[in-house]
Amino acid sequence: ELSLFVAVGSLGRIITSVDGTIWITRTNPAGSITLTSVAWSSSLNLFVAIANTGTYRIITSPNGITWTSQTSFTNTSNWNSVIWASGLSLFVAVANSGTTTTQIATSANGTTWTLQTSPVANTWTSVCYSSSLNLLVAVSNSGTGNRVMTSSNATSWTSRTSAADNNWTSVCWAPELSLFIAVSNNGTNNRMMKSSNGTSWTLIDTTNLNIDYNVIIYSSNLNLLIAGGISSGLYSNNKIVTSSDSNIWILRDT
């Protein structure tokens, strides 16, 4: 709708770009908070960004340029991931700290937020949404046999068993593959897992690709999964891998 990229980061950083090459710094009204995630709602024409520091940890913008602190939401949990769930008409955010009653928040307008109850107080790192399944999936990097949770309405959540108790850092939905894919920053040859329903998860063989993954995304236009992270030694200059089917992954130079 805006033909705009928006990225957020530590020290309150917000940058925008129309082409992905030239970036412009924007002013954050909340100051030097550590912004962790940003989401766009096409139906509301609104960006929402969240933070894991600061007094007010939600900021919003209709254009990515002018931002407003939302003082109605004052929970002190460390918010780590936010998405727009189109089928539910809700922003959904998860936190990597707090209790079961302060780790999930939802909002229909980006301004007024409601806390929801998580099944366990894990360190929730990432949340994604499948419109075709009408399902939310979140992953964590703590817990025993319960590092995934799912919900069809954003209010009632259910614990699921991950394929391994790894430090799961990011999850995405690949609609053309009809798969959720999650990545982790630890483990040996098992740093990815996938699921067609959010409930049953299987490991993806990542032999020789033991990168410390911190993000995975999917491009429908390219039919491509892209995962990135940090590494050392042999892979010190190769921190991105791609796949068109979730099974065969190719190491890319950076």
C-alpha atoms as a PDB file:
ATOM      1  CA  GLU A   1       0.000   0.000   0.000  1.00  0.00           C
ATOM      2  CA  LEU A   2       2.842   2.411   0.765  1.00  0.00           C
ATOM      3  CA  SER A   3       5.565   0.767  -1.335  1.00  0.00           C
ATOM      4  CA  LEU A   4       7.772   1.136   1.710  1.00  0.00           C
ATOM      5  CA  PHE A   5      10.187  -0.949   3.739  1.00  0.00           C
ATOM      6  CA  VAL A   6      10.321  -0.229   7.491  1.00  0.00           C
ATOM      7  CA  ALA A   7      12.982  -1.623   9.838  1.00  0.00           C
ATOM      8  CA  VAL A   8      13.424  -1.125  13.585  1.00  0.00           C
ATOM      9  CA  GLY A   9      16.258  -1.777  16.009  1.00  0.00           C
ATOM     10  CA  SER A  10      18.040  -0.938  19.231  1.00  0.00           C
ATOM     11  CA  LEU A  11      18.413   2.600  20.618  1.00  0.00           C
ATOM     12  CA  GLY A  12      14.997   3.428  19.199  1.00  0.00           C
ATOM     13  CA  ARG A  13      16.151   3.187  15.594  1.00  0.00           C
ATOM     14  CA  ILE A  14      13.564   3.356  12.805  1.00  0.00           C
ATOM     15  CA  ILE A  15      14.576   3.447   9.142  1.00  0.00           C
ATOM     16  CA  THR A  16      12.517   3.433   5.938  1.00  0.00           C
ATOM     17  CA  SER A  17      13.258   2.799   2.277  1.00  0.00           C
ATOM     18  CA  VAL A  18      11.326   2.781  -0.979  1.00  0.00           C
ATOM     19  CA  ASP A  19      13.850   0.567  -2.765  1.00  0.00           C
ATOM     20  CA  GLY A  20      15.764  -1.356  -0.063  1.00  0.00           C
ATOM     21  CA  THR A  21      18.959   0.482  -0.997  1.00  0.00           C
ATOM     22  CA  ILE A  22      18.641   4.050   0.241  1.00  0.00           C
ATOM     23  CA  TRP A  23      17.411   4.288   3.848  1.00  0.00           C
ATOM     24  CA  ILE A  24      16.156   7.282   5.830  1.00  0.00           C
ATOM     25  CA  THR A  25      16.257   7.556   9.632  1.00  0.00           C
ATOM     26  CA  ARG A  26      12.929   8.405  11.317  1.00  0.00           C
ATOM     27  CA  THR A  27      12.268   9.922  14.734  1.00  0.00           C
ATOM     28  CA  ASN A  28      11.064   7.644  17.515  1.00  0.00           C
ATOM     29  CA  PRO A  29       8.841   9.515  20.011  1.00  0.00           C
ATOM     30  CA  ALA A  30       9.566   6.894  22.682  1.00  0.00           C
ATOM     31  CA  GLY A  31      13.302   7.607  22.682  1.00  0.00           C
ATOM     32  CA  SER A  32      16.048   5.011  22.902  1.00  0.00           C
ATOM     33  CA  ILE A  33      13.869   1.970  23.524  1.00  0.00           C
ATOM     34  CA  THR A  34      15.015  -1.339  22.046  1.00  0.00           C
ATOM     35  CA  LEU A  35      12.568  -1.981  19.226  1.00  0.00           C
ATOM     36  CA  THR A  36      12.392  -5.663  18.342  1.00  0.00           C
ATOM     37  CA  SER A  37       9.681  -6.123  15.707  1.00  0.00           C
ATOM     38  CA  VAL A  38       7.355  -4.224  13.372  1.00  0.00           C
ATOM     39  CA  ALA A  39       4.149  -5.280  11.595  1.00  0.00           C
ATOM     40  CA  TRP A  40       1.843  -3.687   9.006  1.00  0.00           C
ATOM     41  CA  SER A  41      -1.956  -3.938   8.842  1.00  0.00           C
ATOM     42  CA  SER A  42      -3.258  -3.257   5.336  1.00  0.00           C
ATOM     43  CA  SER A  43      -6.844  -3.036   6.560  1.00  0.00           C
ATOM     44  CA  LEU A  44      -5.987  -0.446   9.221  1.00  0.00           C
ATOM     45  CA  ASN A  45      -3.225   1.241   7.198  1.00  0.00           C
ATOM     46  CA  LEU A  46      -1.077   1.100  10.295  1.00  0.00           C
ATOM     47  CA  PHE A  47       2.380   0.041  11.389  1.00  0.00           C
ATOM     48  CA  VAL A  48       2.886  -1.259  14.937  1.00  0.00           C
ATOM     49  CA  ALA A  49       6.354  -1.627  16.433  1.00  0.00           C
ATOM     50  CA  ILE A  50       7.115  -3.168  19.806  1.00  0.00           C
ATOM     51  CA  ALA A  51      10.028  -2.945  22.231  1.00  0.00           C
ATOM     52  CA  ASN A  52      11.606  -4.876  25.091  1.00  0.00           C
ATOM     53  CA  THR A  53      12.646  -1.747  26.992  1.00  0.00           C
ATOM     54  CA  GLY A  54      11.037   1.539  27.939  1.00  0.00           C
ATOM     55  CA  THR A  55       7.970   2.737  29.786  1.00  0.00           C
ATOM     56  CA  TYR A  56       5.649   2.515  26.792  1.00  0.00           C
ATOM     57  CA  ARG A  57       6.636  -0.331  24.534  1.00  0.00           C
ATOM     58  CA  ILE A  58       4.244   0.168  21.624  1.00  0.00           C
ATOM     59  CA  ILE A  59       4.531   2.794  18.895  1.00  0.00           C
ATOM     60  CA  THR A  60       2.344   3.191  15.791  1.00  0.00           C
ATOM     61  CA  SER A  61       2.494   4.954  12.440  1.00  0.00           C
ATOM     62  CA  PRO A  62       0.149   5.307   9.448  1.00  0.00           C
ATOM     63  CA  ASN A  63       3.023   5.943   7.049  1.00  0.00           C
ATOM     64  CA  GLY A  64       6.274   4.706   8.616  1.00  0.00           C
ATOM     65  CA  ILE A  65       7.504   8.273   8.906  1.00  0.00           C
ATOM     66  CA  THR A  66       5.535   9.863  11.756  1.00  0.00           C
ATOM     67  CA  TRP A  67       5.267   7.688  14.872  1.00  0.00           C
ATOM     68  CA  THR A  68       3.169   7.912  18.047  1.00  0.00           C
ATOM     69  CA  SER A  69       3.785   6.336  21.460  1.00  0.00           C
ATOM     70  CA  GLN A  70       0.790   4.383  22.707  1.00  0.00           C
ATOM     71  CA  THR A  71       0.481   5.124  26.401  1.00  0.00           C
ATOM     72  CA  SER A  72      -2.536   2.894  26.923  1.00  0.00           C
ATOM     73  CA  PHE A  73      -0.294  -0.160  26.988  1.00  0.00           C
ATOM     74  CA  THR A  74       2.104  -0.087  29.913  1.00  0.00           C
ATOM     75  CA  ASN A  75       2.939  -3.726  30.565  1.00  0.00           C
ATOM     76  CA  THR A  76       6.663  -4.165  31.264  1.00  0.00           C
ATOM     77  CA  SER A  77       7.158  -7.512  29.535  1.00  0.00           C
ATOM     78  CA  ASN A  78       9.978  -7.752  27.001  1.00  0.00           C
ATOM     79  CA  TRP A  79       8.015  -7.844  23.736  1.00  0.00           C
ATOM     80  CA  ASN A  80       9.886  -9.706  21.034  1.00  0.00           C
ATOM     81  CA  SER A  81       7.599 -10.308  18.029  1.00  0.00           C
ATOM     82  CA  VAL A  82       4.440  -8.733  16.597  1.00  0.00           C
ATOM     83  CA  ILE A  83       2.337  -9.660  13.556  1.00  0.00           C
ATOM     84  CA  TRP A  84      -0.975  -8.720  11.977  1.00  0.00           C
ATOM     85  CA  ALA A  85      -3.355 -11.715  11.852  1.00  0.00           C
ATOM     86  CA  SER A  86      -5.563 -10.730   8.919  1.00  0.00           C
ATOM     87  CA  GLY A  87      -8.242 -13.369   9.419  1.00  0.00           C
ATOM     88  CA  LEU A  88      -8.643 -12.346  13.058  1.00  0.00           C
ATOM     89  CA  SER A  89      -8.255  -8.595  12.409  1.00  0.00           C
ATOM     90  CA  LEU A  90      -5.786  -8.445  15.283  1.00  0.00           C
ATOM     91  CA  PHE A  91      -2.237  -7.452  16.039  1.00  0.00           C
ATOM     92  CA  VAL A  92      -0.671 -10.226  18.136  1.00  0.00           C
ATOM     93  CA  ALA A  93       2.534  -9.785  20.143  1.00  0.00           C
ATOM     94  CA  VAL A  94       4.532 -12.248  22.257  1.00  0.00           C
ATOM     95  CA  ALA A  95       7.127 -11.573  24.970  1.00  0.00           C
ATOM     96  CA  ASN A  96      10.287 -13.345  26.066  1.00  0.00           C
ATOM     97  CA  SER A  97       9.741 -12.495  29.734  1.00  0.00           C
ATOM     98  CA  GLY A  98       6.922 -12.234  32.237  1.00  0.00           C
ATOM     99  CA  THR A  99       4.336 -14.662  33.527  1.00  0.00           C
ATOM    100  CA  THR A 100       1.629 -16.649  31.742  1.00  0.00           C
ATOM    101  CA  THR A 101      -0.699 -13.662  32.040  1.00  0.00           C
ATOM    102  CA  THR A 102       1.734 -11.076  30.626  1.00  0.00           C
ATOM    103  CA  GLN A 103       3.362 -12.780  27.622  1.00  0.00           C
ATOM    104  CA  ILE A 104       0.710 -12.374  24.917  1.00  0.00           C
ATOM    105  CA  ALA A 105      -1.048  -9.170  23.905  1.00  0.00           C
ATOM    106  CA  THR A 106      -3.656  -8.492  21.216  1.00  0.00           C
ATOM    107  CA  SER A 107      -5.088  -5.339  19.683  1.00  0.00           C
ATOM    108  CA  ALA A 108      -7.737  -4.613  17.057  1.00  0.00           C
ATOM    109  CA  ASN A 109      -6.498  -1.069  16.471  1.00  0.00           C
ATOM    110  CA  GLY A 110      -2.861  -0.928  17.590  1.00  0.00           C
ATOM    111  CA  THR A 111      -3.766   1.477  20.366  1.00  0.00           C
ATOM    112  CA  THR A 112      -5.768  -0.475  22.929  1.00  0.00           C
ATOM    113  CA  TRP A 113      -4.186  -3.761  23.938  1.00  0.00           C
ATOM    114  CA  THR A 114      -5.464  -6.766  25.877  1.00  0.00           C
ATOM    115  CA  LEU A 115      -3.276  -9.266  27.686  1.00  0.00           C
ATOM    116  CA  GLN A 116      -3.976 -12.938  26.971  1.00  0.00           C
ATOM    117  CA  THR A 117      -2.915 -16.039  28.890  1.00  0.00           C
ATOM    118  CA  SER A 118      -0.134 -18.266  27.581  1.00  0.00           C
ATOM    119  CA  PRO A 119      -0.186 -21.988  28.457  1.00  0.00           C
ATOM    120  CA  VAL A 120       3.344 -21.835  29.915  1.00  0.00           C
ATOM    121  CA  ALA A 121       5.736 -19.024  30.867  1.00  0.00           C
ATOM    122  CA  ASN A 122       8.374 -19.834  28.278  1.00  0.00           C
ATOM    123  CA  THR A 123      10.697 -17.393  26.551  1.00  0.00           C
ATOM    124  CA  TRP A 124       8.508 -16.697  23.512  1.00  0.00           C
ATOM    125  CA  THR A 125      10.635 -15.348  20.681  1.00  0.00           C
ATOM    126  CA  SER A 126       8.514 -15.313  17.524  1.00  0.00           C
ATOM    127  CA  VAL A 127       4.909 -15.540  16.340  1.00  0.00           C
ATOM    128  CA  CYS A 128       3.435 -15.990  12.856  1.00  0.00           C
ATOM    129  CA  TYR A 129       0.001 -16.460  11.283  1.00  0.00           C
ATOM    130  CA  SER A 130      -1.397 -18.748   8.585  1.00  0.00           C
ATOM    131  CA  SER A 131      -4.439 -17.224   6.888  1.00  0.00           C
ATOM    132  CA  SER A 132      -5.316 -20.489   5.130  1.00  0.00           C
ATOM    133  CA  LEU A 133      -5.346 -22.413   8.418  1.00  0.00           C
ATOM    134  CA  ASN A 134      -6.494 -19.400  10.469  1.00  0.00           C
ATOM    135  CA  LEU A 135      -3.816 -20.380  12.958  1.00  0.00           C
ATOM    136  CA  LEU A 136      -1.255 -18.555  15.065  1.00  0.00           C
ATOM    137  CA  VAL A 137       2.009 -20.307  15.937  1.00  0.00           C
ATOM    138  CA  ALA A 138       4.597 -19.063  18.437  1.00  0.00           C
ATOM    139  CA  VAL A 139       7.958 -20.595  19.331  1.00  0.00           C
ATOM    140  CA  SER A 140      10.259 -20.212  22.331  1.00  0.00           C
ATOM    141  CA  ASN A 141      13.833 -20.913  23.375  1.00  0.00           C
ATOM    142  CA  SER A 142      12.941 -22.356  26.782  1.00  0.00           C
ATOM    143  CA  GLY A 143      10.726 -25.095  28.185  1.00  0.00           C
ATOM    144  CA  THR A 144      10.736 -28.884  28.119  1.00  0.00           C
ATOM    145  CA  GLY A 145       8.621 -30.508  25.431  1.00  0.00           C
ATOM    146  CA  ASN A 146       6.465 -27.393  25.086  1.00  0.00           C
ATOM    147  CA  ARG A 147       8.380 -24.853  23.009  1.00  0.00           C
ATOM    148  CA  VAL A 148       5.506 -24.264  20.580  1.00  0.00           C
ATOM    149  CA  MET A 149       2.038 -22.856  21.213  1.00  0.00           C
ATOM    150  CA  THR A 150      -0.873 -22.400  18.815  1.00  0.00           C
ATOM    151  CA  SER A 151      -4.166 -20.533  18.731  1.00  0.00           C
ATOM    152  CA  SER A 152      -7.053 -20.085  16.303  1.00  0.00           C
ATOM    153  CA  ASN A 153      -8.423 -16.969  18.013  1.00  0.00           C
ATOM    154  CA  ALA A 154      -5.434 -15.331  19.786  1.00  0.00           C
ATOM    155  CA  THR A 155      -7.127 -15.726  23.169  1.00  0.00           C
ATOM    156  CA  SER A 156      -7.007 -19.480  23.849  1.00  0.00           C
ATOM    157  CA  TRP A 157      -3.553 -20.991  23.380  1.00  0.00           C
ATOM    158  CA  THR A 158      -2.387 -24.622  23.471  1.00  0.00           C
ATOM    159  CA  SER A 159       1.112 -25.985  24.148  1.00  0.00           C
ATOM    160  CA  ARG A 160       2.617 -28.143  21.434  1.00  0.00           C
ATOM    161  CA  THR A 161       5.689 -30.361  21.427  1.00  0.00           C
ATOM    162  CA  SER A 162       8.541 -29.066  19.303  1.00  0.00           C
ATOM    163  CA  ALA A 163      10.640 -31.499  17.280  1.00  0.00           C
ATOM    164  CA  ALA A 164      13.549 -30.771  19.646  1.00  0.00           C
ATOM    165  CA  ASP A 165      14.071 -28.576  22.698  1.00  0.00           C
ATOM    166  CA  ASN A 166      16.302 -26.186  20.795  1.00  0.00           C
ATOM    167  CA  ASN A 167      16.510 -22.418  21.184  1.00  0.00           C
ATOM    168  CA  TRP A 168      13.834 -21.622  18.603  1.00  0.00           C
ATOM    169  CA  THR A 169      14.277 -18.019  17.502  1.00  0.00           C
ATOM    170  CA  SER A 170      11.956 -17.461  14.540  1.00  0.00           C
ATOM    171  CA  VAL A 171       8.963 -19.029  12.780  1.00  0.00           C
ATOM    172  CA  CYS A 172       7.205 -18.243   9.512  1.00  0.00           C
ATOM    173  CA  TRP A 173       4.340 -19.591   7.363  1.00  0.00           C
ATOM    174  CA  ALA A 174       5.077 -20.556   3.750  1.00  0.00           C
ATOM    175  CA  PRO A 175       1.658 -20.592   2.014  1.00  0.00           C
ATOM    176  CA  GLU A 176       2.808 -22.140  -1.275  1.00  0.00           C
ATOM    177  CA  LEU A 177       4.423 -24.982   0.679  1.00  0.00           C
ATOM    178  CA  SER A 178       1.597 -25.157   3.253  1.00  0.00           C
ATOM    179  CA  LEU A 179       4.230 -25.306   5.998  1.00  0.00           C
ATOM    180  CA  PHE A 180       5.293 -23.560   9.154  1.00  0.00           C
ATOM    181  CA  ILE A 181       9.109 -23.424   9.364  1.00  0.00           C
ATOM    182  CA  ALA A 182      11.055 -22.591  12.542  1.00  0.00           C
ATOM    183  CA  VAL A 183      14.782 -22.051  13.075  1.00  0.00           C
ATOM    184  CA  SER A 184      17.026 -22.179  16.152  1.00  0.00           C
ATOM    185  CA  ASN A 185      20.454 -20.960  17.196  1.00  0.00           C
ATOM    186  CA  ASN A 186      21.657 -24.225  18.712  1.00  0.00           C
ATOM    187  CA  GLY A 187      21.636 -27.960  18.095  1.00  0.00           C
ATOM    188  CA  THR A 188      23.605 -30.292  15.835  1.00  0.00           C
ATOM    189  CA  ASN A 189      22.184 -30.869  12.346  1.00  0.00           C
ATOM    190  CA  ASN A 190      18.676 -30.175  13.659  1.00  0.00           C
ATOM    191  CA  ARG A 191      18.342 -26.408  13.705  1.00  0.00           C
ATOM    192  CA  MET A 192      15.146 -26.316  11.661  1.00  0.00           C
ATOM    193  CA  MET A 193      11.744 -27.907  12.036  1.00  0.00           C
ATOM    194  CA  LYS A 194       8.510 -27.821  10.043  1.00  0.00           C
ATOM    195  CA  SER A 195       4.815 -28.505  10.445  1.00  0.00           C
ATOM    196  CA  SER A 196       1.796 -28.556   8.141  1.00  0.00           C
ATOM    197  CA  ASN A 197      -0.676 -27.995  10.973  1.00  0.00           C
ATOM    198  CA  GLY A 198       1.223 -26.289  13.812  1.00  0.00           C
ATOM    199  CA  THR A 199       0.621 -29.316  16.013  1.00  0.00           C
ATOM    200  CA  SER A 200       3.004 -32.026  14.802  1.00  0.00           C
ATOM    201  CA  TRP A 201       6.581 -30.958  14.095  1.00  0.00           C
ATOM    202  CA  THR A 202       9.422 -32.793  12.352  1.00  0.00           C
ATOM    203  CA  LEU A 203      13.107 -31.911  12.125  1.00  0.00           C
ATOM    204  CA  ILE A 204      14.753 -30.724   8.919  1.00  0.00           C
ATOM    205  CA  ASP A 205      18.265 -32.042   8.360  1.00  0.00           C
ATOM    206  CA  THR A 206      20.688 -29.117   8.547  1.00  0.00           C
ATOM    207  CA  THR A 207      23.911 -31.122   8.276  1.00  0.00           C
ATOM    208  CA  ASN A 208      26.807 -28.730   7.578  1.00  0.00           C
ATOM    209  CA  LEU A 209      24.417 -25.784   8.037  1.00  0.00           C
ATOM    210  CA  ASN A 210      24.722 -25.333  11.802  1.00  0.00           C
ATOM    211  CA  ILE A 211      24.398 -21.556  11.676  1.00  0.00           C
ATOM    212  CA  ASP A 212      23.082 -19.690  14.723  1.00  0.00           C
ATOM    213  CA  TYR A 213      19.814 -18.757  13.028  1.00  0.00           C
ATOM    214  CA  ASN A 214      17.911 -15.743  14.295  1.00  0.00           C
ATOM    215  CA  VAL A 215      15.361 -15.152  11.526  1.00  0.00           C
ATOM    216  CA  ILE A 216      13.446 -16.953   8.785  1.00  0.00           C
ATOM    217  CA  ILE A 217      11.094 -15.400   6.239  1.00  0.00           C
ATOM    218  CA  TYR A 218       9.214 -16.599   3.147  1.00  0.00           C
ATOM    219  CA  SER A 219       8.701 -14.799  -0.170  1.00  0.00           C
ATOM    220  CA  SER A 220       5.583 -15.859  -2.065  1.00  0.00           C
ATOM    221  CA  ASN A 221       6.734 -14.010  -5.195  1.00  0.00           C
ATOM    222  CA  LEU A 222       9.975 -16.007  -5.252  1.00  0.00           C
ATOM    223  CA  ASN A 223       8.589 -19.161  -3.605  1.00  0.00           C
ATOM    224  CA  LEU A 224      11.663 -19.001  -1.416  1.00  0.00           C
ATOM    225  CA  LEU A 225      12.519 -19.530   2.239  1.00  0.00           C
ATOM    226  CA  ILE A 226      15.375 -17.364   3.495  1.00  0.00           C
ATOM    227  CA  ALA A 227      17.048 -17.933   6.875  1.00  0.00           C
ATOM    228  CA  GLY A 228      19.900 -15.950   8.366  1.00  0.00           C
ATOM    229  CA  GLY A 229      22.072 -15.817  11.429  1.00  0.00           C
ATOM    230  CA  ILE A 230      25.608 -15.644  12.725  1.00  0.00           C
ATOM    231  CA  SER A 231      28.378 -18.198  12.436  1.00  0.00           C
ATOM    232  CA  SER A 232      32.122 -18.687  12.772  1.00  0.00           C
ATOM    233  CA  GLY A 233      34.907 -20.724  11.266  1.00  0.00           C
ATOM    234  CA  LEU A 234      34.054 -22.273   7.912  1.00  0.00           C
ATOM    235  CA  TYR A 235      30.790 -20.373   7.652  1.00  0.00           C
ATOM    236  CA  SER A 236      31.989 -16.976   8.878  1.00  0.00           C
ATOM    237  CA  ASN A 237      31.137 -15.338   5.535  1.00  0.00           C
ATOM    238  CA  ASN A 238      28.077 -17.453   4.775  1.00  0.00           C
ATOM    239  CA  LYS A 239      25.216 -16.572   7.060  1.00  0.00           C
ATOM    240  CA  ILE A 240      22.224 -16.939   4.756  1.00  0.00           C
ATOM    241  CA  VAL A 241      20.589 -20.122   3.465  1.00  0.00           C
ATOM    242  CA  THR A 242      17.680 -20.479   1.032  1.00  0.00           C
ATOM    243  CA  SER A 243      15.259 -23.210   0.052  1.00  0.00           C
ATOM    244  CA  SER A 244      12.312 -23.582  -2.326  1.00  0.00           C
ATOM    245  CA  ASP A 245      10.965 -26.744  -0.699  1.00  0.00           C
ATOM    246  CA  SER A 246      12.164 -26.708   2.983  1.00  0.00           C
ATOM    247  CA  ASN A 247      14.230 -29.865   2.409  1.00  0.00           C
ATOM    248  CA  ILE A 248      17.188 -28.778   0.254  1.00  0.00           C
ATOM    249  CA  TRP A 249      19.000 -25.688   1.542  1.00  0.00           C
ATOM    250  CA  ILE A 250      21.695 -23.701  -0.253  1.00  0.00           C
ATOM    251  CA  LEU A 251      24.355 -21.690   1.535  1.00  0.00           C
ATOM    252  CA  ARG A 252      24.674 -18.155   0.170  1.00  0.00           C
ATOM    253  CA  ASP A 253      27.614 -15.782   0.270  1.00  0.00           C
ATOM    254  CA  THR A 254      27.175 -12.496   2.118  1.00  0.00           C
END
